[in-house]
Amino acid sequence: MYAIVEYKGNQYKAEKDAVLTVDRIDEAKEAKPGDTITLDKVLLVSDGDKVTVGTPYVQGAKVTVEVGNTFKDSKVLVLKYKSKKDYHRLIGHREQYTDVVVKDIAI
């Protein structure tokens, strides 16, 4: 059994006990590590033979996940350079992600 879930504008394939890497979940506003949250924007649910597709969401379907640790991705370097103008700028960025574990998929 699996479900396609929308969270913060991105779509994820959720299977029971699967670990998903989602955009950062803020501890102060949304949930702390170890808390469970319910994702109700379910786009598709498949339980072997039967596939239910929502328009746009499946009515009554929910996915329960447990929040894990937050981490930073590897650094992405952006270099801006203009020849003959003595201009160069190096900018770095590290995106933050949170691991979540899928506990239950309910239709």
PDB file of N, CA and C in Angstrom:
ATOM      1  N   MET A   1       0.849  -1.180   0.000  1.00  0.00           N
ATOM      2  CA  MET A   1       0.000   0.000   0.000  1.00  0.00           C
ATOM      3  C   MET A   1       0.888   1.235   0.000  1.00  0.00           C
ATOM      4  N   TYR A   2       0.555   2.178  -0.864  1.00  0.00           N
ATOM      5  CA  TYR A   2       1.305   3.424  -0.896  1.00  0.00           C
ATOM      6  C   TYR A   2       0.359   4.573  -1.211  1.00  0.00           C
ATOM      7  N   ALA A   3       0.854   5.791  -0.984  1.00  0.00           N
ATOM      8  CA  ALA A   3       0.078   6.993  -1.255  1.00  0.00           C
ATOM      9  C   ALA A   3       1.013   8.068  -1.788  1.00  0.00           C
ATOM     10  N   ILE A   4       0.476   8.927  -2.629  1.00  0.00           N
ATOM     11  CA  ILE A   4       1.201  10.103  -3.102  1.00  0.00           C
ATOM     12  C   ILE A   4       0.677  11.287  -2.294  1.00  0.00           C
ATOM     13  N   VAL A   5       1.589  11.954  -1.570  1.00  0.00           N
ATOM     14  CA  VAL A   5       1.216  13.018  -0.639  1.00  0.00           C
ATOM     15  C   VAL A   5       1.829  14.329  -1.099  1.00  0.00           C
ATOM     16  N   GLU A   6       1.072  15.413  -0.963  1.00  0.00           N
ATOM     17  CA  GLU A   6       1.603  16.740  -1.241  1.00  0.00           C
ATOM     18  C   GLU A   6       1.907  17.424   0.081  1.00  0.00           C
ATOM     19  N   TYR A   7       3.153  17.926   0.211  1.00  0.00           N
ATOM     20  CA  TYR A   7       3.557  18.632   1.429  1.00  0.00           C
ATOM     21  C   TYR A   7       4.464  19.788   1.041  1.00  0.00           C
ATOM     22  N   LYS A   8       4.072  20.988   1.393  1.00  0.00           N
ATOM     23  CA  LYS A   8       4.810  22.215   1.088  1.00  0.00           C
ATOM     24  C   LYS A   8       5.116  22.342  -0.406  1.00  0.00           C
ATOM     25  N   GLY A   9       4.128  21.994  -1.240  1.00  0.00           N
ATOM     26  CA  GLY A   9       4.266  22.171  -2.673  1.00  0.00           C
ATOM     27  C   GLY A   9       5.011  21.066  -3.395  1.00  0.00           C
ATOM     28  N   ASN A  10       5.488  20.057  -2.680  1.00  0.00           N
ATOM     29  CA  ASN A  10       6.205  18.937  -3.294  1.00  0.00           C
ATOM     30  C   ASN A  10       5.407  17.650  -3.099  1.00  0.00           C
ATOM     31  N   GLN A  11       5.590  16.703  -3.995  1.00  0.00           N
ATOM     32  CA  GLN A  11       4.891  15.428  -3.921  1.00  0.00           C
ATOM     33  C   GLN A  11       5.859  14.320  -3.533  1.00  0.00           C
ATOM     34  N   TYR A  12       5.392  13.446  -2.630  1.00  0.00           N
ATOM     35  CA  TYR A  12       6.220  12.359  -2.118  1.00  0.00           C
ATOM     36  C   TYR A  12       5.432  11.061  -2.171  1.00  0.00           C
ATOM     37  N   LYS A  13       6.142   9.967  -2.448  1.00  0.00           N
ATOM     38  CA  LYS A  13       5.531   8.640  -2.408  1.00  0.00           C
ATOM     39  C   LYS A  13       5.735   8.083  -1.005  1.00  0.00           C
ATOM     40  N   ALA A  14       4.636   7.864  -0.294  1.00  0.00           N
ATOM     41  CA  ALA A  14       4.687   7.420   1.094  1.00  0.00           C
ATOM     42  C   ALA A  14       4.264   5.961   1.188  1.00  0.00           C
ATOM     43  N   GLU A  15       5.149   5.128   1.724  1.00  0.00           N
ATOM     44  CA  GLU A  15       4.847   3.733   2.022  1.00  0.00           C
ATOM     45  C   GLU A  15       5.054   3.527   3.515  1.00  0.00           C
ATOM     46  N   LYS A  16       4.396   2.540   4.091  1.00  0.00           N
ATOM     47  CA  LYS A  16       4.508   2.305   5.531  1.00  0.00           C
ATOM     48  C   LYS A  16       5.954   2.028   5.904  1.00  0.00           C
ATOM     49  N   ASP A  17       6.427   2.700   6.972  1.00  0.00           N
ATOM     50  CA  ASP A  17       7.783   2.602   7.518  1.00  0.00           C
ATOM     51  C   ASP A  17       8.858   3.152   6.590  1.00  0.00           C
ATOM     52  N   ALA A  18       8.487   3.902   5.579  1.00  0.00           N
ATOM     53  CA  ALA A  18       9.468   4.527   4.687  1.00  0.00           C
ATOM     54  C   ALA A  18       9.939   5.849   5.297  1.00  0.00           C
ATOM     55  N   VAL A  19      11.189   6.197   5.037  1.00  0.00           N
ATOM     56  CA  VAL A  19      11.755   7.461   5.514  1.00  0.00           C
ATOM     57  C   VAL A  19      11.763   8.438   4.341  1.00  0.00           C
ATOM     58  N   LEU A  20      11.076   9.567   4.528  1.00  0.00           N
ATOM     59  CA  LEU A  20      11.004  10.598   3.497  1.00  0.00           C
ATOM     60  C   LEU A  20      11.825  11.800   3.934  1.00  0.00           C
ATOM     61  N   THR A  21      12.481  12.434   2.995  1.00  0.00           N
ATOM     62  CA  THR A  21      13.223  13.662   3.257  1.00  0.00           C
ATOM     63  C   THR A  21      12.405  14.812   2.679  1.00  0.00           C
ATOM     64  N   VAL A  22      11.837  15.637   3.569  1.00  0.00           N
ATOM     65  CA  VAL A  22      10.972  16.740   3.159  1.00  0.00           C
ATOM     66  C   VAL A  22      11.634  18.064   3.507  1.00  0.00           C
ATOM     67  N   ASP A  23      11.073  19.161   2.982  1.00  0.00           N
ATOM     68  CA  ASP A  23      11.567  20.474   3.360  1.00  0.00           C
ATOM     69  C   ASP A  23      11.472  20.650   4.869  1.00  0.00           C
ATOM     70  N   ARG A  24      12.296  21.519   5.411  1.00  0.00           N
ATOM     71  CA  ARG A  24      12.444  21.669   6.860  1.00  0.00           C
ATOM     72  C   ARG A  24      11.112  21.912   7.557  1.00  0.00           C
ATOM     73  N   ILE A  25      10.870  21.145   8.622  1.00  0.00           N
ATOM     74  CA  ILE A  25       9.715  21.335   9.487  1.00  0.00           C
ATOM     75  C   ILE A  25      10.193  22.149  10.676  1.00  0.00           C
ATOM     76  N   ASP A  26       9.651  23.335  10.845  1.00  0.00           N
ATOM     77  CA  ASP A  26      10.079  24.253  11.892  1.00  0.00           C
ATOM     78  C   ASP A  26       9.640  23.729  13.267  1.00  0.00           C
ATOM     79  N   GLU A  27      10.592  23.599  14.187  1.00  0.00           N
ATOM     80  CA  GLU A  27      10.294  23.072  15.519  1.00  0.00           C
ATOM     81  C   GLU A  27       9.389  23.999  16.306  1.00  0.00           C
ATOM     82  N   ALA A  28       9.577  25.306  16.164  1.00  0.00           N
ATOM     83  CA  ALA A  28       8.804  26.249  16.960  1.00  0.00           C
ATOM     84  C   ALA A  28       7.355  26.360  16.486  1.00  0.00           C
ATOM     85  N   LYS A  29       7.125  26.249  15.181  1.00  0.00           N
ATOM     86  CA  LYS A  29       5.790  26.479  14.645  1.00  0.00           C
ATOM     87  C   LYS A  29       5.009  25.201  14.371  1.00  0.00           C
ATOM     88  N   GLU A  30       5.662  24.168  13.829  1.00  0.00           N
ATOM     89  CA  GLU A  30       4.921  23.014  13.328  1.00  0.00           C
ATOM     90  C   GLU A  30       5.020  21.795  14.236  1.00  0.00           C
ATOM     91  N   ALA A  31       6.211  21.241  14.407  1.00  0.00           N
ATOM     92  CA  ALA A  31       6.353  20.031  15.211  1.00  0.00           C
ATOM     93  C   ALA A  31       7.811  19.844  15.619  1.00  0.00           C
ATOM     94  N   LYS A  32       7.999  19.177  16.746  1.00  0.00           N
ATOM     95  CA  LYS A  32       9.336  18.866  17.248  1.00  0.00           C
ATOM     96  C   LYS A  32       9.682  17.428  16.886  1.00  0.00           C
ATOM     97  N   PRO A  33      10.961  17.066  16.926  1.00  0.00           N
ATOM     98  CA  PRO A  33      11.331  15.674  16.646  1.00  0.00           C
ATOM     99  C   PRO A  33      10.638  14.712  17.608  1.00  0.00           C
ATOM    100  N   GLY A  34      10.077  13.650  17.069  1.00  0.00           N
ATOM    101  CA  GLY A  34       9.342  12.677  17.859  1.00  0.00           C
ATOM    102  C   GLY A  34       7.841  12.883  17.818  1.00  0.00           C
ATOM    103  N   ASP A  35       7.376  14.063  17.428  1.00  0.00           N
ATOM    104  CA  ASP A  35       5.943  14.327  17.313  1.00  0.00           C
ATOM    105  C   ASP A  35       5.395  13.660  16.058  1.00  0.00           C
ATOM    106  N   THR A  36       4.091  13.421  16.055  1.00  0.00           N
ATOM    107  CA  THR A  36       3.439  12.892  14.869  1.00  0.00           C
ATOM    108  C   THR A  36       2.555  13.985  14.272  1.00  0.00           C
ATOM    109  N   ILE A  37       2.568  14.067  12.963  1.00  0.00           N
ATOM    110  CA  ILE A  37       1.701  15.011  12.266  1.00  0.00           C
ATOM    111  C   ILE A  37       0.919  14.248  11.209  1.00  0.00           C
ATOM    112  N   THR A  38      -0.237  14.795  10.831  1.00  0.00           N
ATOM    113  CA  THR A  38      -1.102  14.165   9.852  1.00  0.00           C
ATOM    114  C   THR A  38      -1.103  14.982   8.575  1.00  0.00           C
ATOM    115  N   LEU A  39      -0.821  14.325   7.473  1.00  0.00           N
ATOM    116  CA  LEU A  39      -0.847  14.961   6.162  1.00  0.00           C
ATOM    117  C   LEU A  39      -2.152  14.565   5.483  1.00  0.00           C
ATOM    118  N   ASP A  40      -3.017  15.552   5.206  1.00  0.00           N
ATOM    119  CA  ASP A  40      -4.325  15.235   4.640  1.00  0.00           C
ATOM    120  C   ASP A  40      -4.443  15.575   3.157  1.00  0.00           C
ATOM    121  N   LYS A  41      -3.378  16.107   2.557  1.00  0.00           N
ATOM    122  CA  LYS A  41      -3.389  16.382   1.119  1.00  0.00           C
ATOM    123  C   LYS A  41      -2.861  15.152   0.378  1.00  0.00           C
ATOM    124  N   VAL A  42      -3.714  14.146   0.267  1.00  0.00           N
ATOM    125  CA  VAL A  42      -3.349  12.890  -0.377  1.00  0.00           C
ATOM    126  C   VAL A  42      -3.898  12.915  -1.798  1.00  0.00           C
ATOM    127  N   LEU A  43      -3.022  12.755  -2.777  1.00  0.00           N
ATOM    128  CA  LEU A  43      -3.412  12.829  -4.186  1.00  0.00           C
ATOM    129  C   LEU A  43      -3.827  11.483  -4.753  1.00  0.00           C
ATOM    130  N   LEU A  44      -3.220  10.398  -4.257  1.00  0.00           N
ATOM    131  CA  LEU A  44      -3.479   9.071  -4.797  1.00  0.00           C
ATOM    132  C   LEU A  44      -3.237   8.041  -3.706  1.00  0.00           C
ATOM    133  N   VAL A  45      -4.084   7.013  -3.667  1.00  0.00           N
ATOM    134  CA  VAL A  45      -3.905   5.907  -2.733  1.00  0.00           C
ATOM    135  C   VAL A  45      -4.026   4.609  -3.509  1.00  0.00           C
ATOM    136  N   SER A  46      -3.065   3.708  -3.322  1.00  0.00           N
ATOM    137  CA  SER A  46      -3.095   2.404  -3.958  1.00  0.00           C
ATOM    138  C   SER A  46      -2.920   1.335  -2.896  1.00  0.00           C
ATOM    139  N   ASP A  47      -3.862   0.367  -2.870  1.00  0.00           N
ATOM    140  CA  ASP A  47      -3.738  -0.739  -1.920  1.00  0.00           C
ATOM    141  C   ASP A  47      -3.736  -2.064  -2.675  1.00  0.00           C
ATOM    142  N   GLY A  48      -2.738  -2.224  -3.535  1.00  0.00           N
ATOM    143  CA  GLY A  48      -2.604  -3.467  -4.292  1.00  0.00           C
ATOM    144  C   GLY A  48      -3.411  -3.434  -5.579  1.00  0.00           C
ATOM    145  N   ASP A  49      -4.684  -3.843  -5.496  1.00  0.00           N
ATOM    146  CA  ASP A  49      -5.524  -3.932  -6.693  1.00  0.00           C
ATOM    147  C   ASP A  49      -6.214  -2.616  -7.018  1.00  0.00           C
ATOM    148  N   LYS A  50      -6.686  -1.938  -6.011  1.00  0.00           N
ATOM    149  CA  LYS A  50      -7.516  -0.749  -6.208  1.00  0.00           C
ATOM    150  C   LYS A  50      -6.682   0.525  -6.100  1.00  0.00           C
ATOM    151  N   VAL A  51      -6.832   1.405  -7.079  1.00  0.00           N
ATOM    152  CA  VAL A  51      -6.148   2.701  -7.070  1.00  0.00           C
ATOM    153  C   VAL A  51      -7.202   3.794  -7.014  1.00  0.00           C
ATOM    154  N   THR A  52      -7.080   4.691  -6.022  1.00  0.00           N
ATOM    155  CA  THR A  52      -8.012   5.802  -5.870  1.00  0.00           C
ATOM    156  C   THR A  52      -7.273   7.094  -6.167  1.00  0.00           C
ATOM    157  N   VAL A  53      -7.773   7.837  -7.141  1.00  0.00           N
ATOM    158  CA  VAL A  53      -7.162   9.100  -7.532  1.00  0.00           C
ATOM    159  C   VAL A  53      -8.099  10.222  -7.113  1.00  0.00           C
ATOM    160  N   GLY A  54      -7.538  11.236  -6.462  1.00  0.00           N
ATOM    161  CA  GLY A  54      -8.347  12.352  -5.988  1.00  0.00           C
ATOM    162  C   GLY A  54      -8.536  13.415  -7.045  1.00  0.00           C
ATOM    163  N   THR A  55      -9.518  14.294  -6.787  1.00  0.00           N
ATOM    164  CA  THR A  55      -9.788  15.414  -7.687  1.00  0.00           C
ATOM    165  C   THR A  55      -9.892  16.706  -6.903  1.00  0.00           C
ATOM    166  N   PRO A  56      -8.889  17.365  -6.443  1.00  0.00           N
ATOM    167  CA  PRO A  56      -7.481  17.010  -6.542  1.00  0.00           C
ATOM    168  C   PRO A  56      -7.013  16.102  -5.399  1.00  0.00           C
ATOM    169  N   TYR A  57      -7.783  16.030  -4.288  1.00  0.00           N
ATOM    170  CA  TYR A  57      -7.359  15.218  -3.144  1.00  0.00           C
ATOM    171  C   TYR A  57      -8.365  14.107  -2.895  1.00  0.00           C
ATOM    172  N   VAL A  58      -7.897  13.003  -2.304  1.00  0.00           N
ATOM    173  CA  VAL A  58      -8.756  11.879  -1.960  1.00  0.00           C
ATOM    174  C   VAL A  58      -9.494  12.225  -0.666  1.00  0.00           C
ATOM    175  N   GLN A  59     -10.816  12.145  -0.698  1.00  0.00           N
ATOM    176  CA  GLN A  59     -11.632  12.486   0.474  1.00  0.00           C
ATOM    177  C   GLN A  59     -11.398  11.480   1.601  1.00  0.00           C
ATOM    178  N   GLY A  60     -11.075  11.989   2.786  1.00  0.00           N
ATOM    179  CA  GLY A  60     -10.927  11.155   3.971  1.00  0.00           C
ATOM    180  C   GLY A  60      -9.604  10.414   4.089  1.00  0.00           C
ATOM    181  N   ALA A  61      -8.731  10.526   3.139  1.00  0.00           N
ATOM    182  CA  ALA A  61      -7.441   9.833   3.204  1.00  0.00           C
ATOM    183  C   ALA A  61      -6.452  10.674   4.000  1.00  0.00           C
ATOM    184  N   LYS A  62      -5.691  10.006   4.863  1.00  0.00           N
ATOM    185  CA  LYS A  62      -4.699  10.691   5.690  1.00  0.00           C
ATOM    186  C   LYS A  62      -3.455   9.835   5.818  1.00  0.00           C
ATOM    187  N   VAL A  63      -2.317  10.509   5.926  1.00  0.00           N
ATOM    188  CA  VAL A  63      -1.050   9.834   6.145  1.00  0.00           C
ATOM    189  C   VAL A  63      -0.461  10.391   7.435  1.00  0.00           C
ATOM    190  N   THR A  64      -0.144   9.519   8.375  1.00  0.00           N
ATOM    191  CA  THR A  64       0.437   9.917   9.649  1.00  0.00           C
ATOM    192  C   THR A  64       1.939   9.671   9.603  1.00  0.00           C
ATOM    193  N   VAL A  65       2.713  10.718   9.939  1.00  0.00           N
ATOM    194  CA  VAL A  65       4.167  10.608   9.920  1.00  0.00           C
ATOM    195  C   VAL A  65       4.739  11.057  11.258  1.00  0.00           C
ATOM    196  N   GLU A  66       5.910  10.510  11.578  1.00  0.00           N
ATOM    197  CA  GLU A  66       6.638  10.906  12.782  1.00  0.00           C
ATOM    198  C   GLU A  66       7.841  11.739  12.359  1.00  0.00           C
ATOM    199  N   VAL A  67       7.996  12.892  13.000  1.00  0.00           N
ATOM    200  CA  VAL A  67       9.058  13.824  12.641  1.00  0.00           C
ATOM    201  C   VAL A  67      10.387  13.326  13.191  1.00  0.00           C
ATOM    202  N   GLY A  68      11.410  13.351  12.340  1.00  0.00           N
ATOM    203  CA  GLY A  68      12.752  12.938  12.742  1.00  0.00           C
ATOM    204  C   GLY A  68      13.665  14.136  12.900  1.00  0.00           C
ATOM    205  N   ASN A  69      14.931  13.942  12.599  1.00  0.00           N
ATOM    206  CA  ASN A  69      15.903  15.022  12.796  1.00  0.00           C
ATOM    207  C   ASN A  69      15.972  15.951  11.588  1.00  0.00           C
ATOM    208  N   THR A  70      16.426  17.177  11.839  1.00  0.00           N
ATOM    209  CA  THR A  70      16.613  18.175  10.799  1.00  0.00           C
ATOM    210  C   THR A  70      18.103  18.250  10.467  1.00  0.00           C
ATOM    211  N   PHE A  71      18.419  18.361   9.184  1.00  0.00           N
ATOM    212  CA  PHE A  71      19.812  18.410   8.775  1.00  0.00           C
ATOM    213  C   PHE A  71      19.953  19.345   7.588  1.00  0.00           C
ATOM    214  N   LYS A  72      21.210  19.688   7.277  1.00  0.00           N
ATOM    215  CA  LYS A  72      21.513  20.540   6.137  1.00  0.00           C
ATOM    216  C   LYS A  72      22.093  19.696   5.012  1.00  0.00           C
ATOM    217  N   ASP A  73      21.737  20.052   3.798  1.00  0.00           N
ATOM    218  CA  ASP A  73      22.262  19.386   2.621  1.00  0.00           C
ATOM    219  C   ASP A  73      23.675  19.898   2.343  1.00  0.00           C
ATOM    220  N   SER A  74      24.341  19.318   1.381  1.00  0.00           N
ATOM    221  CA  SER A  74      25.683  19.784   1.046  1.00  0.00           C
ATOM    222  C   SER A  74      25.621  21.187   0.449  1.00  0.00           C
ATOM    223  N   LYS A  75      26.728  21.892   0.521  1.00  0.00           N
ATOM    224  CA  LYS A  75      26.770  23.281   0.084  1.00  0.00           C
ATOM    225  C   LYS A  75      26.773  23.381  -1.440  1.00  0.00           C
ATOM    226  N   VAL A  76      25.965  24.317  -1.925  1.00  0.00           N
ATOM    227  CA  VAL A  76      25.919  24.633  -3.343  1.00  0.00           C
ATOM    228  C   VAL A  76      26.595  25.982  -3.522  1.00  0.00           C
ATOM    229  N   LEU A  77      27.602  26.047  -4.382  1.00  0.00           N
ATOM    230  CA  LEU A  77      28.328  27.286  -4.617  1.00  0.00           C
ATOM    231  C   LEU A  77      27.852  27.940  -5.909  1.00  0.00           C
ATOM    232  N   VAL A  78      27.614  29.246  -5.833  1.00  0.00           N
ATOM    233  CA  VAL A  78      27.200  30.021  -6.994  1.00  0.00           C
ATOM    234  C   VAL A  78      28.263  31.083  -7.221  1.00  0.00           C
ATOM    235  N   LEU A  79      28.837  31.085  -8.405  1.00  0.00           N
ATOM    236  CA  LEU A  79      29.879  32.044  -8.739  1.00  0.00           C
ATOM    237  C   LEU A  79      29.364  32.988  -9.813  1.00  0.00           C
ATOM    238  N   LYS A  80      29.420  34.277  -9.507  1.00  0.00           N
ATOM    239  CA  LYS A  80      29.082  35.300 -10.496  1.00  0.00           C
ATOM    240  C   LYS A  80      30.388  35.950 -10.931  1.00  0.00           C
ATOM    241  N   TYR A  81      30.556  36.100 -12.247  1.00  0.00           N
ATOM    242  CA  TYR A  81      31.813  36.613 -12.767  1.00  0.00           C
ATOM    243  C   TYR A  81      31.552  37.379 -14.053  1.00  0.00           C
ATOM    244  N   LYS A  82      32.164  38.540 -14.159  1.00  0.00           N
ATOM    245  CA  LYS A  82      32.098  39.324 -15.392  1.00  0.00           C
ATOM    246  C   LYS A  82      33.525  39.613 -15.834  1.00  0.00           C
ATOM    247  N   SER A  83      33.834  39.154 -17.031  1.00  0.00           N
ATOM    248  CA  SER A  83      35.203  39.311 -17.524  1.00  0.00           C
ATOM    249  C   SER A  83      35.514  40.776 -17.814  1.00  0.00           C
ATOM    250  N   LYS A  84      36.732  41.125 -17.598  1.00  0.00           N
ATOM    251  CA  LYS A  84      37.268  42.470 -17.879  1.00  0.00           C
ATOM    252  C   LYS A  84      36.651  43.570 -17.026  1.00  0.00           C
ATOM    253  N   LYS A  85      35.854  43.232 -16.043  1.00  0.00           N
ATOM    254  CA  LYS A  85      35.212  44.240 -15.189  1.00  0.00           C
ATOM    255  C   LYS A  85      35.665  44.134 -13.736  1.00  0.00           C
ATOM    256  N   ASP A  86      36.582  43.217 -13.444  1.00  0.00           N
ATOM    257  CA  ASP A  86      37.075  42.989 -12.087  1.00  0.00           C
ATOM    258  C   ASP A  86      35.931  42.727 -11.107  1.00  0.00           C
ATOM    259  N   TYR A  87      34.984  41.915 -11.549  1.00  0.00           N
ATOM    260  CA  TYR A  87      33.826  41.583 -10.712  1.00  0.00           C
ATOM    261  C   TYR A  87      33.724  40.080 -10.574  1.00  0.00           C
ATOM    262  N   HIS A  88      33.732  39.598  -9.334  1.00  0.00           N
ATOM    263  CA  HIS A  88      33.464  38.195  -9.058  1.00  0.00           C
ATOM    264  C   HIS A  88      32.891  38.094  -7.658  1.00  0.00           C
ATOM    265  N   ARG A  89      31.921  37.204  -7.511  1.00  0.00           N
ATOM    266  CA  ARG A  89      31.259  37.029  -6.233  1.00  0.00           C
ATOM    267  C   ARG A  89      30.957  35.545  -6.054  1.00  0.00           C
ATOM    268  N   LEU A  90      31.278  35.017  -4.889  1.00  0.00           N
ATOM    269  CA  LEU A  90      31.038  33.618  -4.572  1.00  0.00           C
ATOM    270  C   LEU A  90      30.008  33.559  -3.454  1.00  0.00           C
ATOM    271  N   ILE A  91      28.911  32.875  -3.713  1.00  0.00           N
ATOM    272  CA  ILE A  91      27.822  32.767  -2.748  1.00  0.00           C
ATOM    273  C   ILE A  91      27.577  31.283  -2.484  1.00  0.00           C
ATOM    274  N   GLY A  92      27.433  30.918  -1.213  1.00  0.00           N
ATOM    275  CA  GLY A  92      27.143  29.539  -0.844  1.00  0.00           C
ATOM    276  C   GLY A  92      25.764  29.419  -0.233  1.00  0.00           C
ATOM    277  N   HIS A  93      25.151  28.238  -0.388  1.00  0.00           N
ATOM    278  CA  HIS A  93      23.813  28.003   0.157  1.00  0.00           C
ATOM    279  C   HIS A  93      23.697  26.543   0.586  1.00  0.00           C
ATOM    280  N   ARG A  94      23.086  26.322   1.765  1.00  0.00           N
ATOM    281  CA  ARG A  94      22.814  24.966   2.253  1.00  0.00           C
ATOM    282  C   ARG A  94      21.339  24.851   2.581  1.00  0.00           C
ATOM    283  N   GLU A  95      20.623  24.008   1.855  1.00  0.00           N
ATOM    284  CA  GLU A  95      19.193  23.812   2.073  1.00  0.00           C
ATOM    285  C   GLU A  95      18.987  22.928   3.302  1.00  0.00           C
ATOM    286  N   GLN A  96      17.912  23.195   4.069  1.00  0.00           N
ATOM    287  CA  GLN A  96      17.621  22.424   5.272  1.00  0.00           C
ATOM    288  C   GLN A  96      16.463  21.464   5.011  1.00  0.00           C
ATOM    289  N   TYR A  97      16.617  20.234   5.482  1.00  0.00           N
ATOM    290  CA  TYR A  97      15.627  19.192   5.290  1.00  0.00           C
ATOM    291  C   TYR A  97      15.308  18.521   6.619  1.00  0.00           C
ATOM    292  N   THR A  98      14.190  17.784   6.651  1.00  0.00           N
ATOM    293  CA  THR A  98      13.786  17.015   7.818  1.00  0.00           C
ATOM    294  C   THR A  98      13.414  15.616   7.365  1.00  0.00           C
ATOM    295  N   ASP A  99      13.880  14.611   8.110  1.00  0.00           N
ATOM    296  CA  ASP A  99      13.473  13.232   7.846  1.00  0.00           C
ATOM    297  C   ASP A  99      12.168  12.959   8.572  1.00  0.00           C
ATOM    298  N   VAL A 100      11.230  12.302   7.888  1.00  0.00           N
ATOM    299  CA  VAL A 100       9.987  11.866   8.515  1.00  0.00           C
ATOM    300  C   VAL A 100       9.787  10.382   8.208  1.00  0.00           C
ATOM    301  N   VAL A 101       9.201   9.662   9.156  1.00  0.00           N
ATOM    302  CA  VAL A 101       8.933   8.232   8.995  1.00  0.00           C
ATOM    303  C   VAL A 101       7.428   8.054   8.876  1.00  0.00           C
ATOM    304  N   VAL A 102       6.988   7.376   7.822  1.00  0.00           N
ATOM    305  CA  VAL A 102       5.556   7.139   7.601  1.00  0.00           C
ATOM    306  C   VAL A 102       5.103   6.042   8.553  1.00  0.00           C
ATOM    307  N   LYS A 103       4.118   6.359   9.392  1.00  0.00           N
ATOM    308  CA  LYS A 103       3.609   5.397  10.364  1.00  0.00           C
ATOM    309  C   LYS A 103       2.350   4.702   9.888  1.00  0.00           C
ATOM    310  N   ASP A 104       1.424   5.447   9.244  1.00  0.00           N
ATOM    311  CA  ASP A 104       0.147   4.862   8.876  1.00  0.00           C
ATOM    312  C   ASP A 104      -0.423   5.572   7.663  1.00  0.00           C
ATOM    313  N   ILE A 105      -1.123   4.796   6.815  1.00  0.00           N
ATOM    314  CA  ILE A 105      -1.858   5.346   5.687  1.00  0.00           C
ATOM    315  C   ILE A 105      -3.307   4.906   5.860  1.00  0.00           C
ATOM    316  N   ALA A 106      -4.205   5.880   6.017  1.00  0.00           N
ATOM    317  CA  ALA A 106      -5.618   5.584   6.248  1.00  0.00           C
ATOM    318  C   ALA A 106      -6.449   6.124   5.091  1.00  0.00           C
ATOM    319  N   ILE A 107      -7.408   5.308   4.636  1.00  0.00           N
ATOM    320  CA  ILE A 107      -8.290   5.734   3.541  1.00  0.00           C
ATOM    321  C   ILE A 107      -9.598   6.214   4.131  1.00  0.00           C
TER     322      ILE A 107
END
